[in-house]
Amino acid sequence: MIHPTNLIRQGYGNFDARFSIGPAEWRHYDLLWIHKGAVRLFIGKSNNQIRLEAPTGILICPNTSFIGEAEANGALASITHFETKGESGKLPGFLIAPALISFPLQAMVELSQRYARNEQDRQSRIRLLIAILDAFLPDQDAPHRTDRVDAAWERSTDRLQYVRSLSDVAAQIALSESAFRALHRREKGGSAGQHLQALRLSQAERFLSTTRMSVAQIANAVGYSHPESLIRAFQRTHSVSPGAYRRRADPFA
């Protein structure tokens, strides 16, 4: 559990795609929230690559190095630097905000920043920060099971559109891609890469059967950079094109 005791700095800033973010390594915690746009970060000694697209945020723990860059149109971000009292437990170098509650979390972050601009009661801001941080942290009372891989896939499914590689999946549980591949094989007995493709195609099947989205729209929704990539993968595994699959699923489509 993290217990903030001192707010060092809060504020907004724009990341320009022409300049790098960092490199930096703070002795305190850094809650970085992306309000508009997207950034890519490389974090820690393993250089975990993470893509953050608004609205989402990341909690970077003390003494964790990072460097990155904004994507083409830049990004609007806010930071909250804070200190804690005593030990904060064994946390990884960073934690990513849960995708399912990213919008309410953003509202809380914006409220905290508004309080900071108006120099309102510091204790109220700390209590609000505690509520924000609680969403980042795993349930301390939950039994310790070998479910980290399941957690990574569950979080990635919620934001599949933004999962471009296994490194994005691994980042959900603060692992490097190579470490996640090994953990997945050990716990699931199969290839993480094949699992990611199966997840994309399963979601594509659902969209083809239940929506009128175009193949290009579906490809983007399940994380393919180009519709041709979805078409090739679909034909290879299903022996039919996405269009033919849709007609079979719904002959009146």
Protein backbone atom coordinates (compact mmCIF):
# COMPACT_ATOMS: atom_id res chain seq x y z
CA MET A 1 0.00 0.00 0.00
CA ILE A 2 1.29 3.47 -0.90
CA HIS A 3 0.77 6.20 1.71
CA PRO A 4 1.52 9.65 0.19
CA THR A 5 2.76 12.15 2.76
CA ASN A 6 4.14 15.03 0.71
CA LEU A 7 3.13 16.51 -2.64
CA ILE A 8 6.24 17.80 -4.35
CA ARG A 9 4.86 19.10 -7.63
CA GLN A 10 1.68 19.01 -9.69
CA GLY A 11 1.02 20.52 -13.08
CA TYR A 12 0.20 20.18 -16.78
CA GLY A 13 2.56 20.18 -19.73
CA ASN A 14 2.69 19.47 -23.45
CA PHE A 15 4.96 16.80 -24.92
CA ASP A 16 6.23 17.88 -28.34
CA ALA A 17 6.91 15.04 -30.79
CA ARG A 18 10.13 16.80 -31.83
CA PHE A 19 11.72 16.33 -28.42
CA SER A 20 12.27 13.33 -26.19
CA ILE A 21 10.62 12.75 -22.83
CA GLY A 22 13.47 12.40 -20.37
CA PRO A 23 15.70 10.56 -19.81
CA ALA A 24 14.80 10.82 -16.14
CA GLU A 25 15.01 8.86 -12.92
CA TRP A 26 13.24 10.32 -9.90
CA ARG A 27 13.86 9.63 -6.22
CA HIS A 28 10.12 10.05 -5.65
CA TYR A 29 6.93 8.67 -7.19
CA ASP A 30 5.63 10.14 -10.44
CA LEU A 31 1.99 9.81 -11.49
CA LEU A 32 2.05 10.65 -15.20
CA TRP A 33 -1.38 11.01 -16.80
CA ILE A 34 -1.98 11.41 -20.54
CA HIS A 35 -5.02 13.64 -21.12
CA LYS A 36 -4.75 14.02 -24.91
CA GLY A 37 -2.66 12.32 -27.56
CA ALA A 38 -0.28 9.40 -27.03
CA VAL A 39 3.28 8.71 -25.93
CA ARG A 40 5.70 5.80 -25.98
CA LEU A 41 7.94 5.14 -23.00
CA PHE A 42 10.88 2.84 -22.39
CA ILE A 43 11.02 2.08 -18.69
CA GLY A 44 13.51 0.43 -16.37
CA LYS A 45 16.63 -1.60 -17.01
CA SER A 46 14.73 -3.99 -19.27
CA ASN A 47 13.54 -1.09 -21.44
CA ASN A 48 9.89 -2.15 -21.27
CA GLN A 49 8.17 -0.40 -24.19
CA ILE A 50 4.78 1.03 -23.30
CA ARG A 51 2.31 2.97 -25.41
CA LEU A 52 -0.03 5.26 -23.49
CA GLU A 53 -2.98 6.78 -25.33
CA ALA A 54 -5.37 9.15 -23.58
CA PRO A 55 -7.09 8.73 -21.28
CA THR A 56 -4.63 6.66 -19.29
CA GLY A 57 -1.77 7.03 -16.86
CA ILE A 58 1.22 5.34 -15.35
CA LEU A 59 2.66 5.33 -11.85
CA ILE A 60 6.45 5.35 -12.04
CA CYS A 61 8.09 4.20 -8.81
CA PRO A 62 11.23 5.78 -7.27
CA ASN A 63 14.59 5.12 -8.91
CA THR A 64 13.01 3.77 -12.09
CA SER A 65 14.61 5.23 -15.21
CA PHE A 66 12.53 6.12 -18.27
CA ILE A 67 12.78 7.83 -21.63
CA GLY A 68 10.23 8.29 -24.38
CA GLU A 69 8.58 10.42 -27.00
CA ALA A 70 5.18 11.76 -27.96
CA GLU A 71 3.51 10.53 -31.12
CA ALA A 72 3.01 12.76 -34.16
CA ASN A 73 0.50 15.27 -32.81
CA GLY A 74 2.09 15.57 -29.38
CA ALA A 75 0.36 14.97 -26.06
CA LEU A 76 -1.11 16.87 -23.14
CA ALA A 77 -0.04 15.35 -19.83
CA SER A 78 -0.07 16.08 -16.13
CA ILE A 79 2.37 15.02 -13.44
CA THR A 80 2.02 14.50 -9.73
CA HIS A 81 5.32 14.03 -7.89
CA PHE A 82 4.97 12.82 -4.33
CA GLU A 83 6.81 11.19 -1.45
CA THR A 84 5.73 8.47 0.96
CA LYS A 85 6.50 7.57 4.54
CA GLY A 86 8.24 4.26 5.20
CA GLU A 87 8.09 1.21 2.96
CA SER A 88 5.47 0.95 0.25
CA GLY A 89 5.70 -2.80 -0.20
CA LYS A 90 7.24 -4.71 -3.07
CA LEU A 91 6.01 -2.99 -6.20
CA PRO A 92 7.35 -3.25 -9.75
CA GLY A 93 9.01 -0.24 -11.31
CA PHE A 94 5.73 0.99 -12.76
CA LEU A 95 1.99 0.33 -12.77
CA ILE A 96 -0.49 1.21 -15.54
CA ALA A 97 -3.98 2.53 -14.86
CA PRO A 98 -6.75 -0.07 -15.35
CA ALA A 99 -8.37 0.53 -18.73
CA LEU A 100 -11.92 -0.11 -17.55
CA ILE A 101 -11.92 2.88 -15.19
CA SER A 102 -9.64 5.23 -17.11
CA PHE A 103 -12.34 7.89 -17.64
CA PRO A 104 -13.38 8.24 -13.98
CA LEU A 105 -9.72 8.17 -12.99
CA GLN A 106 -8.99 11.00 -15.42
CA ALA A 107 -11.77 13.05 -13.83
CA MET A 108 -10.16 12.51 -10.42
CA VAL A 109 -6.73 13.49 -11.74
CA GLU A 110 -8.14 16.66 -13.31
CA LEU A 111 -9.89 17.54 -10.05
CA SER A 112 -6.61 17.09 -8.18
CA GLN A 113 -4.81 19.34 -10.64
CA ARG A 114 -7.53 21.98 -10.30
CA TYR A 115 -7.14 21.90 -6.53
CA ALA A 116 -3.39 22.34 -6.98
CA ARG A 117 -3.82 25.39 -9.25
CA ASN A 118 -6.11 26.99 -6.68
CA GLU A 119 -3.73 26.05 -3.87
CA GLN A 120 -6.56 24.32 -2.02
CA ASP A 121 -6.13 22.20 1.11
CA ARG A 122 -3.10 19.93 0.72
CA GLN A 123 -4.62 17.19 2.88
CA SER A 124 -7.67 17.04 0.62
CA ARG A 125 -5.38 16.65 -2.37
CA ILE A 126 -3.49 13.84 -0.62
CA ARG A 127 -6.74 12.02 0.17
CA LEU A 128 -7.77 12.34 -3.47
CA LEU A 129 -4.37 11.02 -4.57
CA ILE A 130 -4.78 8.01 -2.26
CA ALA A 131 -8.11 7.22 -3.96
CA ILE A 132 -6.45 7.46 -7.39
CA LEU A 133 -3.55 5.24 -6.37
CA ASP A 134 -5.85 2.57 -4.95
CA ALA A 135 -7.06 1.91 -8.49
CA PHE A 136 -3.51 1.19 -9.65
CA LEU A 137 -2.63 -1.28 -6.94
CA PRO A 138 -3.36 -5.01 -6.91
CA ASP A 139 -5.66 -6.32 -4.20
CA GLN A 140 -3.32 -6.91 -1.29
CA ASP A 141 -5.73 -9.41 0.27
CA ALA A 142 -6.20 -11.52 -2.84
CA PRO A 143 -4.69 -15.02 -2.72
CA HIS A 144 -1.33 -15.36 -4.45
CA ARG A 145 -2.11 -17.56 -7.43
CA THR A 146 -0.38 -18.09 -10.74
CA ASP A 147 -2.83 -15.72 -12.45
CA ARG A 148 -0.51 -12.95 -13.60
CA VAL A 149 -0.74 -14.13 -17.18
CA ASP A 150 -4.55 -14.18 -17.01
CA ALA A 151 -4.51 -10.66 -15.59
CA ALA A 152 -2.29 -9.43 -18.43
CA TRP A 153 -4.59 -10.92 -21.06
CA GLU A 154 -7.72 -9.63 -19.37
CA ARG A 155 -6.37 -6.09 -19.25
CA SER A 156 -5.12 -6.32 -22.83
CA THR A 157 -8.50 -7.56 -24.07
CA ASP A 158 -10.10 -4.43 -22.63
CA ARG A 159 -7.77 -2.26 -24.75
CA LEU A 160 -6.97 -4.57 -27.67
CA GLN A 161 -7.09 -1.69 -30.14
CA TYR A 162 -3.93 -0.29 -28.55
CA VAL A 163 -2.05 -3.59 -28.18
CA ARG A 164 0.38 -3.59 -31.07
CA SER A 165 2.81 -6.21 -29.77
CA LEU A 166 3.46 -8.61 -26.91
CA SER A 167 5.47 -5.90 -25.16
CA ASP A 168 2.18 -4.02 -24.65
CA VAL A 169 0.65 -7.14 -23.07
CA ALA A 170 3.71 -7.69 -20.87
CA ALA A 171 3.59 -4.09 -19.69
CA GLN A 172 0.20 -4.74 -18.07
CA ILE A 173 1.99 -6.75 -15.37
CA ALA A 174 5.27 -4.81 -15.50
CA LEU A 175 7.34 -7.45 -17.32
CA SER A 176 9.61 -7.33 -20.34
CA GLU A 177 8.40 -9.12 -23.46
CA SER A 178 10.94 -11.93 -23.08
CA ALA A 179 10.00 -12.49 -19.42
CA PHE A 180 6.30 -12.56 -20.31
CA ARG A 181 6.88 -15.07 -23.12
CA ALA A 182 8.67 -17.37 -20.68
CA LEU A 183 6.01 -16.95 -17.99
CA HIS A 184 3.20 -17.61 -20.47
CA ARG A 185 4.84 -20.78 -21.75
CA ARG A 186 5.47 -21.99 -18.19
CA GLU A 187 1.91 -21.32 -17.00
CA LYS A 188 -0.07 -22.00 -20.17
CA GLY A 189 2.18 -24.39 -22.07
CA GLY A 190 1.93 -22.52 -25.34
CA SER A 191 3.13 -19.57 -27.36
CA ALA A 192 2.17 -16.08 -26.18
CA GLY A 193 2.39 -14.85 -29.77
CA GLN A 194 -0.10 -17.45 -30.95
CA HIS A 195 -2.39 -16.59 -28.05
CA LEU A 196 -2.36 -12.92 -29.04
CA GLN A 197 -3.25 -13.76 -32.62
CA ALA A 198 -6.05 -16.08 -31.46
CA LEU A 199 -7.40 -13.29 -29.26
CA ARG A 200 -7.40 -10.82 -32.15
CA LEU A 201 -9.15 -13.28 -34.47
CA SER A 202 -11.72 -14.25 -31.85
CA GLN A 203 -12.64 -10.60 -31.42
CA ALA A 204 -12.72 -10.16 -35.20
CA GLU A 205 -15.16 -13.10 -35.47
CA ARG A 206 -17.44 -11.42 -32.95
CA PHE A 207 -17.39 -8.11 -34.83
CA LEU A 208 -18.00 -9.82 -38.17
CA SER A 209 -20.97 -11.74 -36.76
CA THR A 210 -22.64 -9.00 -34.74
CA THR A 211 -21.81 -5.65 -36.35
CA ARG A 212 -21.72 -3.89 -39.70
CA MET A 213 -18.22 -2.58 -39.14
CA SER A 214 -15.99 -2.66 -42.22
CA VAL A 215 -13.00 -4.99 -42.31
CA ALA A 216 -10.72 -1.96 -41.97
CA GLN A 217 -12.59 -0.81 -38.85
CA ILE A 218 -12.47 -4.31 -37.35
CA ALA A 219 -8.75 -4.61 -38.08
CA ASN A 220 -8.11 -1.39 -36.17
CA ALA A 221 -10.39 -2.44 -33.29
CA VAL A 222 -8.52 -5.71 -32.71
CA GLY A 223 -5.04 -4.22 -32.98
CA TYR A 224 -3.90 -4.81 -36.57
CA SER A 225 -2.06 -1.90 -38.17
CA HIS A 226 -3.43 -2.73 -41.64
CA PRO A 227 -6.61 -4.51 -42.83
CA GLU A 228 -4.47 -6.72 -45.06
CA SER A 229 -2.84 -8.20 -41.94
CA LEU A 230 -6.23 -9.24 -40.60
CA ILE A 231 -7.33 -10.67 -43.96
CA ARG A 232 -4.16 -12.79 -44.31
CA ALA A 233 -4.35 -14.08 -40.72
CA PHE A 234 -8.07 -14.84 -41.06
CA GLN A 235 -7.69 -16.71 -44.33
CA ARG A 236 -4.74 -18.68 -42.96
CA THR A 237 -6.61 -19.86 -39.87
CA HIS A 238 -10.22 -20.04 -41.12
CA SER A 239 -9.64 -20.92 -44.79
CA VAL A 240 -12.12 -18.19 -45.76
CA SER A 241 -11.96 -14.42 -46.07
CA PRO A 242 -13.52 -12.19 -43.40
CA GLY A 243 -16.27 -11.28 -45.90
CA ALA A 244 -17.11 -14.93 -46.56
CA TYR A 245 -17.14 -15.64 -42.83
CA ARG A 246 -19.61 -12.77 -42.30
CA ARG A 247 -21.92 -14.09 -45.03
CA ARG A 248 -21.91 -17.55 -43.45
CA ALA A 249 -22.60 -16.12 -39.99
CA ASP A 250 -25.41 -13.90 -41.30
CA PRO A 251 -26.71 -14.78 -44.77
CA PHE A 252 -28.79 -11.57 -44.77
CA ALA A 253 -25.73 -9.35 -44.18
